[in-house]
Amino acid sequence: MPANQNGTFPFSRDSTAFALDYLGSFLRGCYEGWLPWLSDTGTGDYRAGDLWGCVGTWYAGAWEVPAATEYTTRVREILQRRVWLADGWPE
């Protein structure tokens, strides 16, 4: 697509499968240590093997910034409570 040189839009909007693949590739690259530029984006030192740090970065766009930490805290709480098993979910 000539008008879309650098980015994932509209694919990430139009394809759930694409969006999930893109998320997976980001998390894998981050976890493996293939994104050293993340050390320049936040408040901490980027390191391989920190899955929760990568999840937070996916949300906030920077390494170990407050928004990332708040997000991972919320995700961990939801996982611990297993809200998807509650009656009436997702209403």
PDB file of N, CA and C in Angstrom:
ATOM      1  N   MET A   1       0.847  -1.175   0.000  1.00  0.00           N
ATOM      2  CA  MET A   1       0.000   0.000   0.000  1.00  0.00           C
ATOM      3  C   MET A   1       0.894   1.241   0.000  1.00  0.00           C
ATOM      4  N   PRO A   2       0.989   1.918  -1.102  1.00  0.00           N
ATOM      5  CA  PRO A   2       1.888   3.069  -1.208  1.00  0.00           C
ATOM      6  C   PRO A   2       1.639   4.152  -0.177  1.00  0.00           C
ATOM      7  N   ALA A   3       0.397   4.365   0.226  1.00  0.00           N
ATOM      8  CA  ALA A   3       0.090   5.437   1.170  1.00  0.00           C
ATOM      9  C   ALA A   3       0.357   5.048   2.624  1.00  0.00           C
ATOM     10  N   ASN A   4       0.776   3.820   2.853  1.00  0.00           N
ATOM     11  CA  ASN A   4       0.976   3.342   4.222  1.00  0.00           C
ATOM     12  C   ASN A   4       2.353   2.711   4.344  1.00  0.00           C
ATOM     13  N   GLN A   5       3.393   3.526   4.389  1.00  0.00           N
ATOM     14  CA  GLN A   5       4.756   3.022   4.372  1.00  0.00           C
ATOM     15  C   GLN A   5       5.251   2.501   5.713  1.00  0.00           C
ATOM     16  N   ASN A   6       4.909   3.170   6.800  1.00  0.00           N
ATOM     17  CA  ASN A   6       5.498   2.815   8.089  1.00  0.00           C
ATOM     18  C   ASN A   6       4.422   2.711   9.154  1.00  0.00           C
ATOM     19  N   GLY A   7       3.849   1.578   9.297  1.00  0.00           N
ATOM     20  CA  GLY A   7       2.841   1.419  10.324  1.00  0.00           C
ATOM     21  C   GLY A   7       1.979   0.202  10.067  1.00  0.00           C
ATOM     22  N   THR A   8       1.091  -0.029  10.977  1.00  0.00           N
ATOM     23  CA  THR A   8       0.240  -1.211  10.876  1.00  0.00           C
ATOM     24  C   THR A   8      -1.198  -0.877  10.528  1.00  0.00           C
ATOM     25  N   PHE A   9      -1.554   0.403  10.575  1.00  0.00           N
ATOM     26  CA  PHE A   9      -2.915   0.798  10.245  1.00  0.00           C
ATOM     27  C   PHE A   9      -3.100   0.767   8.740  1.00  0.00           C
ATOM     28  N   PRO A  10      -4.151   0.255   8.195  1.00  0.00           N
ATOM     29  CA  PRO A  10      -5.415  -0.155   8.802  1.00  0.00           C
ATOM     30  C   PRO A  10      -5.476  -1.626   9.186  1.00  0.00           C
ATOM     31  N   PHE A  11      -4.362  -2.354   8.996  1.00  0.00           N
ATOM     32  CA  PHE A  11      -4.395  -3.793   9.248  1.00  0.00           C
ATOM     33  C   PHE A  11      -4.739  -4.115  10.691  1.00  0.00           C
ATOM     34  N   SER A  12      -4.154  -3.360  11.627  1.00  0.00           N
ATOM     35  CA  SER A  12      -4.431  -3.617  13.046  1.00  0.00           C
ATOM     36  C   SER A  12      -5.879  -3.304  13.408  1.00  0.00           C
ATOM     37  N   ARG A  13      -6.505  -2.426  12.675  1.00  0.00           N
ATOM     38  CA  ARG A  13      -7.914  -2.113  12.911  1.00  0.00           C
ATOM     39  C   ARG A  13      -8.828  -3.163  12.274  1.00  0.00           C
ATOM     40  N   ASP A  14      -8.455  -3.632  11.109  1.00  0.00           N
ATOM     41  CA  ASP A  14      -9.343  -4.479  10.317  1.00  0.00           C
ATOM     42  C   ASP A  14      -9.178  -5.971  10.563  1.00  0.00           C
ATOM     43  N   SER A  15      -8.102  -6.382  11.193  1.00  0.00           N
ATOM     44  CA  SER A  15      -7.835  -7.810  11.347  1.00  0.00           C
ATOM     45  C   SER A  15      -7.416  -8.140  12.773  1.00  0.00           C
ATOM     46  N   THR A  16      -8.294  -8.835  13.476  1.00  0.00           N
ATOM     47  CA  THR A  16      -7.961  -9.276  14.837  1.00  0.00           C
ATOM     48  C   THR A  16      -6.745 -10.194  14.814  1.00  0.00           C
ATOM     49  N   ALA A  17      -6.683 -11.067  13.814  1.00  0.00           N
ATOM     50  CA  ALA A  17      -5.544 -11.980  13.712  1.00  0.00           C
ATOM     51  C   ALA A  17      -4.241 -11.208  13.534  1.00  0.00           C
ATOM     52  N   PHE A  18      -4.250 -10.194  12.689  1.00  0.00           N
ATOM     53  CA  PHE A  18      -3.049  -9.381  12.500  1.00  0.00           C
ATOM     54  C   PHE A  18      -2.664  -8.685  13.801  1.00  0.00           C
ATOM     55  N   ALA A  19      -3.651  -8.083  14.476  1.00  0.00           N
ATOM     56  CA  ALA A  19      -3.375  -7.363  15.722  1.00  0.00           C
ATOM     57  C   ALA A  19      -2.762  -8.293  16.757  1.00  0.00           C
ATOM     58  N   LEU A  20      -3.279  -9.509  16.857  1.00  0.00           N
ATOM     59  CA  LEU A  20      -2.746 -10.471  17.816  1.00  0.00           C
ATOM     60  C   LEU A  20      -1.331 -10.920  17.424  1.00  0.00           C
ATOM     61  N   ASP A  21      -1.110 -11.161  16.144  1.00  0.00           N
ATOM     62  CA  ASP A  21       0.237 -11.522  15.683  1.00  0.00           C
ATOM     63  C   ASP A  21       1.232 -10.407  15.970  1.00  0.00           C
ATOM     64  N   TYR A  22       0.807  -9.170  15.747  1.00  0.00           N
ATOM     65  CA  TYR A  22       1.697  -8.035  15.988  1.00  0.00           C
ATOM     66  C   TYR A  22       2.033  -7.911  17.472  1.00  0.00           C
ATOM     67  N   LEU A  23       1.030  -8.063  18.326  1.00  0.00           N
ATOM     68  CA  LEU A  23       1.270  -8.056  19.775  1.00  0.00           C
ATOM     69  C   LEU A  23       2.251  -9.160  20.152  1.00  0.00           C
ATOM     70  N   GLY A  24       2.003 -10.356  19.651  1.00  0.00           N
ATOM     71  CA  GLY A  24       2.891 -11.479  19.964  1.00  0.00           C
ATOM     72  C   GLY A  24       4.319 -11.231  19.516  1.00  0.00           C
ATOM     73  N   SER A  25       4.484 -10.642  18.339  1.00  0.00           N
ATOM     74  CA  SER A  25       5.845 -10.383  17.863  1.00  0.00           C
ATOM     75  C   SER A  25       6.541  -9.330  18.723  1.00  0.00           C
ATOM     76  N   PHE A  26       5.784  -8.322  19.162  1.00  0.00           N
ATOM     77  CA  PHE A  26       6.379  -7.312  20.043  1.00  0.00           C
ATOM     78  C   PHE A  26       6.795  -7.932  21.371  1.00  0.00           C
ATOM     79  N   LEU A  27       5.894  -8.706  21.982  1.00  0.00           N
ATOM     80  CA  LEU A  27       6.214  -9.311  23.285  1.00  0.00           C
ATOM     81  C   LEU A  27       7.395 -10.266  23.165  1.00  0.00           C
ATOM     82  N   ARG A  28       7.455 -11.052  22.093  1.00  0.00           N
ATOM     83  CA  ARG A  28       8.569 -11.978  21.906  1.00  0.00           C
ATOM     84  C   ARG A  28       9.882 -11.223  21.758  1.00  0.00           C
ATOM     85  N   GLY A  29       9.881 -10.206  20.909  1.00  0.00           N
ATOM     86  CA  GLY A  29      11.098  -9.427  20.702  1.00  0.00           C
ATOM     87  C   GLY A  29      11.556  -8.735  21.970  1.00  0.00           C
ATOM     88  N   CYS A  30      10.599  -8.192  22.699  1.00  0.00           N
ATOM     89  CA  CYS A  30      10.917  -7.522  23.962  1.00  0.00           C
ATOM     90  C   CYS A  30      11.480  -8.521  24.965  1.00  0.00           C
ATOM     91  N   TYR A  31      10.816  -9.649  25.126  1.00  0.00           N
ATOM     92  CA  TYR A  31      11.235 -10.669  26.087  1.00  0.00           C
ATOM     93  C   TYR A  31      12.619 -11.226  25.755  1.00  0.00           C
ATOM     94  N   GLU A  32      12.903 -11.380  24.478  1.00  0.00           N
ATOM     95  CA  GLU A  32      14.195 -11.930  24.049  1.00  0.00           C
ATOM     96  C   GLU A  32      15.335 -10.924  24.162  1.00  0.00           C
ATOM     97  N   GLY A  33      14.999  -9.646  24.353  1.00  0.00           N
ATOM     98  CA  GLY A  33      16.049  -8.629  24.461  1.00  0.00           C
ATOM     99  C   GLY A  33      16.409  -7.981  23.149  1.00  0.00           C
ATOM    100  N   TRP A  34      15.536  -8.098  22.160  1.00  0.00           N
ATOM    101  CA  TRP A  34      15.821  -7.585  20.827  1.00  0.00           C
ATOM    102  C   TRP A  34      15.435  -6.117  20.656  1.00  0.00           C
ATOM    103  N   LEU A  35      15.004  -5.439  21.719  1.00  0.00           N
ATOM    104  CA  LEU A  35      14.560  -4.044  21.613  1.00  0.00           C
ATOM    105  C   LEU A  35      15.386  -3.141  22.534  1.00  0.00           C
ATOM    106  N   PRO A  36      16.689  -3.077  22.334  1.00  0.00           N
ATOM    107  CA  PRO A  36      17.542  -2.308  23.250  1.00  0.00           C
ATOM    108  C   PRO A  36      17.189  -0.827  23.323  1.00  0.00           C
ATOM    109  N   TRP A  37      16.531  -0.287  22.308  1.00  0.00           N
ATOM    110  CA  TRP A  37      16.131   1.119  22.316  1.00  0.00           C
ATOM    111  C   TRP A  37      15.165   1.430  23.456  1.00  0.00           C
ATOM    112  N   LEU A  38      14.543   0.406  24.047  1.00  0.00           N
ATOM    113  CA  LEU A  38      13.627   0.650  25.163  1.00  0.00           C
ATOM    114  C   LEU A  38      14.337   1.254  26.375  1.00  0.00           C
ATOM    115  N   SER A  39      15.638   1.031  26.500  1.00  0.00           N
ATOM    116  CA  SER A  39      16.387   1.630  27.615  1.00  0.00           C
ATOM    117  C   SER A  39      16.352   3.152  27.564  1.00  0.00           C
ATOM    118  N   ASP A  40      16.122   3.707  26.390  1.00  0.00           N
ATOM    119  CA  ASP A  40      16.092   5.157  26.226  1.00  0.00           C
ATOM    120  C   ASP A  40      14.688   5.751  26.377  1.00  0.00           C
ATOM    121  N   THR A  41      13.686   4.920  26.695  1.00  0.00           N
ATOM    122  CA  THR A  41      12.304   5.397  26.677  1.00  0.00           C
ATOM    123  C   THR A  41      11.681   5.601  28.046  1.00  0.00           C
ATOM    124  N   GLY A  42      12.214   5.023  29.074  1.00  0.00           N
ATOM    125  CA  GLY A  42      11.529   5.074  30.360  1.00  0.00           C
ATOM    126  C   GLY A  42      12.451   5.379  31.509  1.00  0.00           C
ATOM    127  N   THR A  43      12.053   4.879  32.660  1.00  0.00           N
ATOM    128  CA  THR A  43      12.777   5.193  33.886  1.00  0.00           C
ATOM    129  C   THR A  43      13.695   4.070  34.345  1.00  0.00           C
ATOM    130  N   GLY A  44      13.619   2.916  33.716  1.00  0.00           N
ATOM    131  CA  GLY A  44      14.432   1.789  34.148  1.00  0.00           C
ATOM    132  C   GLY A  44      15.323   1.280  33.039  1.00  0.00           C
ATOM    133  N   ASP A  45      16.144   0.318  33.362  1.00  0.00           N
ATOM    134  CA  ASP A  45      17.010  -0.294  32.374  1.00  0.00           C
ATOM    135  C   ASP A  45      16.304  -1.498  31.769  1.00  0.00           C
ATOM    136  N   TYR A  46      16.065  -1.437  30.481  1.00  0.00           N
ATOM    137  CA  TYR A  46      15.441  -2.543  29.759  1.00  0.00           C
ATOM    138  C   TYR A  46      16.305  -3.786  29.875  1.00  0.00           C
ATOM    139  N   ARG A  47      15.656  -4.922  30.074  1.00  0.00           N
ATOM    140  CA  ARG A  47      16.380  -6.184  30.177  1.00  0.00           C
ATOM    141  C   ARG A  47      15.541  -7.309  29.598  1.00  0.00           C
ATOM    142  N   ALA A  48      16.198  -8.261  29.009  1.00  0.00           N
ATOM    143  CA  ALA A  48      15.525  -9.436  28.473  1.00  0.00           C
ATOM    144  C   ALA A  48      14.959 -10.271  29.611  1.00  0.00           C
ATOM    145  N   GLY A  49      13.898 -10.998  29.311  1.00  0.00           N
ATOM    146  CA  GLY A  49      13.344 -11.940  30.272  1.00  0.00           C
ATOM    147  C   GLY A  49      12.328 -11.362  31.231  1.00  0.00           C
ATOM    148  N   ASP A  50      11.969 -10.104  31.091  1.00  0.00           N
ATOM    149  CA  ASP A  50      10.997  -9.472  31.986  1.00  0.00           C
ATOM    150  C   ASP A  50       9.664  -9.360  31.248  1.00  0.00           C
ATOM    151  N   LEU A  51       8.857 -10.418  31.309  1.00  0.00           N
ATOM    152  CA  LEU A  51       7.601 -10.445  30.572  1.00  0.00           C
ATOM    153  C   LEU A  51       6.660  -9.336  31.013  1.00  0.00           C
ATOM    154  N   TRP A  52       6.541  -9.122  32.327  1.00  0.00           N
ATOM    155  CA  TRP A  52       5.632  -8.075  32.805  1.00  0.00           C
ATOM    156  C   TRP A  52       6.115  -6.683  32.417  1.00  0.00           C
ATOM    157  N   GLY A  53       7.412  -6.490  32.368  1.00  0.00           N
ATOM    158  CA  GLY A  53       7.934  -5.225  31.872  1.00  0.00           C
ATOM    159  C   GLY A  53       7.556  -5.011  30.410  1.00  0.00           C
ATOM    160  N   CYS A  54       7.572  -6.092  29.636  1.00  0.00           N
ATOM    161  CA  CYS A  54       7.195  -6.014  28.227  1.00  0.00           C
ATOM    162  C   CYS A  54       5.703  -5.755  28.060  1.00  0.00           C
ATOM    163  N   VAL A  55       4.875  -6.381  28.896  1.00  0.00           N
ATOM    164  CA  VAL A  55       3.432  -6.142  28.840  1.00  0.00           C
ATOM    165  C   VAL A  55       3.148  -4.668  29.144  1.00  0.00           C
ATOM    166  N   GLY A  56       3.784  -4.137  30.157  1.00  0.00           N
ATOM    167  CA  GLY A  56       3.591  -2.737  30.495  1.00  0.00           C
ATOM    168  C   GLY A  56       4.064  -1.803  29.401  1.00  0.00           C
ATOM    169  N   THR A  57       5.148  -2.159  28.757  1.00  0.00           N
ATOM    170  CA  THR A  57       5.666  -1.345  27.664  1.00  0.00           C
ATOM    171  C   THR A  57       4.723  -1.363  26.471  1.00  0.00           C
ATOM    172  N   TRP A  58       4.120  -2.509  26.203  1.00  0.00           N
ATOM    173  CA  TRP A  58       3.140  -2.585  25.120  1.00  0.00           C
ATOM    174  C   TRP A  58       2.018  -1.576  25.362  1.00  0.00           C
ATOM    175  N   TYR A  59       1.590  -1.464  26.604  1.00  0.00           N
ATOM    176  CA  TYR A  59       0.507  -0.536  26.943  1.00  0.00           C
ATOM    177  C   TYR A  59       0.977   0.920  26.908  1.00  0.00           C
ATOM    178  N   ALA A  60       2.098   1.197  27.560  1.00  0.00           N
ATOM    179  CA  ALA A  60       2.512   2.586  27.779  1.00  0.00           C
ATOM    180  C   ALA A  60       3.470   3.127  26.716  1.00  0.00           C
ATOM    181  N   GLY A  61       4.158   2.243  26.018  1.00  0.00           N
ATOM    182  CA  GLY A  61       5.099   2.702  25.006  1.00  0.00           C
ATOM    183  C   GLY A  61       6.470   3.062  25.530  1.00  0.00           C
ATOM    184  N   ALA A  62       6.703   2.824  26.816  1.00  0.00           N
ATOM    185  CA  ALA A  62       8.007   3.130  27.411  1.00  0.00           C
ATOM    186  C   ALA A  62       8.272   2.142  28.547  1.00  0.00           C
ATOM    187  N   TRP A  63       9.546   1.983  28.870  1.00  0.00           N
ATOM    188  CA  TRP A  63       9.964   0.978  29.843  1.00  0.00           C
ATOM    189  C   TRP A  63       9.837   1.492  31.275  1.00  0.00           C
ATOM    190  N   GLU A  64       9.077   0.769  32.086  1.00  0.00           N
ATOM    191  CA  GLU A  64       8.936   1.005  33.528  1.00  0.00           C
ATOM    192  C   GLU A  64       8.515   2.430  33.881  1.00  0.00           C
ATOM    193  N   VAL A  65       7.613   2.975  33.122  1.00  0.00           N
ATOM    194  CA  VAL A  65       7.022   4.270  33.472  1.00  0.00           C
ATOM    195  C   VAL A  65       5.786   3.999  34.328  1.00  0.00           C
ATOM    196  N   PRO A  66       5.307   4.981  35.074  1.00  0.00           N
ATOM    197  CA  PRO A  66       4.164   4.749  35.962  1.00  0.00           C
ATOM    198  C   PRO A  66       2.940   4.148  35.264  1.00  0.00           C
ATOM    199  N   ALA A  67       2.622   4.606  34.069  1.00  0.00           N
ATOM    200  CA  ALA A  67       1.450   4.056  33.365  1.00  0.00           C
ATOM    201  C   ALA A  67       1.617   2.569  33.085  1.00  0.00           C
ATOM    202  N   ALA A  68       2.823   2.138  32.767  1.00  0.00           N
ATOM    203  CA  ALA A  68       3.086   0.728  32.509  1.00  0.00           C
ATOM    204  C   ALA A  68       2.919  -0.095  33.782  1.00  0.00           C
ATOM    205  N   THR A  69       3.439   0.407  34.870  1.00  0.00           N
ATOM    206  CA  THR A  69       3.328  -0.298  36.148  1.00  0.00           C
ATOM    207  C   THR A  69       1.876  -0.393  36.599  1.00  0.00           C
ATOM    208  N   GLU A  70       1.129   0.684  36.444  1.00  0.00           N
ATOM    209  CA  GLU A  70      -0.293   0.667  36.815  1.00  0.00           C
ATOM    210  C   GLU A  70      -1.053  -0.341  35.968  1.00  0.00           C
ATOM    211  N   TYR A  71      -0.758  -0.406  34.684  1.00  0.00           N
ATOM    212  CA  TYR A  71      -1.429  -1.343  33.797  1.00  0.00           C
ATOM    213  C   TYR A  71      -1.138  -2.792  34.197  1.00  0.00           C
ATOM    214  N   THR A  72       0.137  -3.118  34.406  1.00  0.00           N
ATOM    215  CA  THR A  72       0.460  -4.496  34.761  1.00  0.00           C
ATOM    216  C   THR A  72      -0.135  -4.877  36.111  1.00  0.00           C
ATOM    217  N   THR A  73      -0.239  -3.940  37.016  1.00  0.00           N
ATOM    218  CA  THR A  73      -0.888  -4.213  38.302  1.00  0.00           C
ATOM    219  C   THR A  73      -2.353  -4.578  38.086  1.00  0.00           C
ATOM    220  N   ARG A  74      -3.042  -3.824  37.229  1.00  0.00           N
ATOM    221  CA  ARG A  74      -4.452  -4.121  36.934  1.00  0.00           C
ATOM    222  C   ARG A  74      -4.597  -5.474  36.251  1.00  0.00           C
ATOM    223  N   VAL A  75      -3.733  -5.776  35.297  1.00  0.00           N
ATOM    224  CA  VAL A  75      -3.810  -7.053  34.583  1.00  0.00           C
ATOM    225  C   VAL A  75      -3.572  -8.212  35.544  1.00  0.00           C
ATOM    226  N   ARG A  76      -2.572  -8.098  36.393  1.00  0.00           N
ATOM    227  CA  ARG A  76      -2.294  -9.173  37.356  1.00  0.00           C
ATOM    228  C   ARG A  76      -3.463  -9.394  38.306  1.00  0.00           C
ATOM    229  N   GLU A  77      -4.100  -8.306  38.725  1.00  0.00           N
ATOM    230  CA  GLU A  77      -5.267  -8.416  39.610  1.00  0.00           C
ATOM    231  C   GLU A  77      -6.412  -9.144  38.908  1.00  0.00           C
ATOM    232  N   ILE A  78      -6.657  -8.794  37.666  1.00  0.00           N
ATOM    233  CA  ILE A  78      -7.719  -9.449  36.899  1.00  0.00           C
ATOM    234  C   ILE A  78      -7.402 -10.933  36.719  1.00  0.00           C
ATOM    235  N   LEU A  79      -6.157 -11.256  36.418  1.00  0.00           N
ATOM    236  CA  LEU A  79      -5.764 -12.659  36.282  1.00  0.00           C
ATOM    237  C   LEU A  79      -5.948 -13.420  37.590  1.00  0.00           C
ATOM    238  N   GLN A  80      -5.560 -12.805  38.695  1.00  0.00           N
ATOM    239  CA  GLN A  80      -5.679 -13.455  39.994  1.00  0.00           C
ATOM    240  C   GLN A  80      -7.145 -13.696  40.368  1.00  0.00           C
ATOM    241  N   ARG A  81      -8.013 -12.724  40.064  1.00  0.00           N
ATOM    242  CA  ARG A  81      -9.429 -12.844  40.405  1.00  0.00           C
ATOM    243  C   ARG A  81     -10.192 -13.727  39.427  1.00  0.00           C
ATOM    244  N   ARG A  82      -9.627 -13.993  38.264  1.00  0.00           N
ATOM    245  CA  ARG A  82     -10.260 -14.803  37.229  1.00  0.00           C
ATOM    246  C   ARG A  82     -11.676 -14.321  36.925  1.00  0.00           C
ATOM    247  N   VAL A  83     -11.783 -13.050  36.648  1.00  0.00           N
ATOM    248  CA  VAL A  83     -13.083 -12.417  36.455  1.00  0.00           C
ATOM    249  C   VAL A  83     -13.882 -13.053  35.319  1.00  0.00           C
ATOM    250  N   TRP A  84     -13.231 -13.653  34.349  1.00  0.00           N
ATOM    251  CA  TRP A  84     -13.920 -14.252  33.207  1.00  0.00           C
ATOM    252  C   TRP A  84     -14.716 -15.496  33.603  1.00  0.00           C
ATOM    253  N   LEU A  85     -14.499 -16.002  34.829  1.00  0.00           N
ATOM    254  CA  LEU A  85     -15.248 -17.165  35.306  1.00  0.00           C
ATOM    255  C   LEU A  85     -16.488 -16.776  36.106  1.00  0.00           C
ATOM    256  N   ALA A  86     -16.664 -15.491  36.385  1.00  0.00           N
ATOM    257  CA  ALA A  86     -17.784 -15.025  37.194  1.00  0.00           C
ATOM    258  C   ALA A  86     -19.084 -15.081  36.399  1.00  0.00           C
ATOM    259  N   ASP A  87     -20.175 -15.368  37.103  1.00  0.00           N
ATOM    260  CA  ASP A  87     -21.491 -15.334  36.471  1.00  0.00           C
ATOM    261  C   ASP A  87     -21.749 -13.936  35.931  1.00  0.00           C
ATOM    262  N   GLY A  88     -22.304 -13.868  34.740  1.00  0.00           N
ATOM    263  CA  GLY A  88     -22.632 -12.583  34.157  1.00  0.00           C
ATOM    264  C   GLY A  88     -21.509 -11.920  33.398  1.00  0.00           C
ATOM    265  N   TRP A  89     -20.326 -12.515  33.372  1.00  0.00           N
ATOM    266  CA  TRP A  89     -19.240 -11.915  32.615  1.00  0.00           C
ATOM    267  C   TRP A  89     -19.506 -12.113  31.135  1.00  0.00           C
ATOM    268  N   PRO A  90     -19.343 -11.174  30.286  1.00  0.00           N
ATOM    269  CA  PRO A  90     -18.665  -9.902  30.431  1.00  0.00           C
ATOM    270  C   PRO A  90     -19.588  -8.719  30.686  1.00  0.00           C
ATOM    271  N   GLU A  91     -20.852  -8.967  30.967  1.00  0.00           N
ATOM    272  CA  GLU A  91     -21.748  -7.843  31.199  1.00  0.00           C
ATOM    273  C   GLU A  91     -21.256  -7.021  32.349  1.00  0.00           C
TER     274      GLU A  91
END
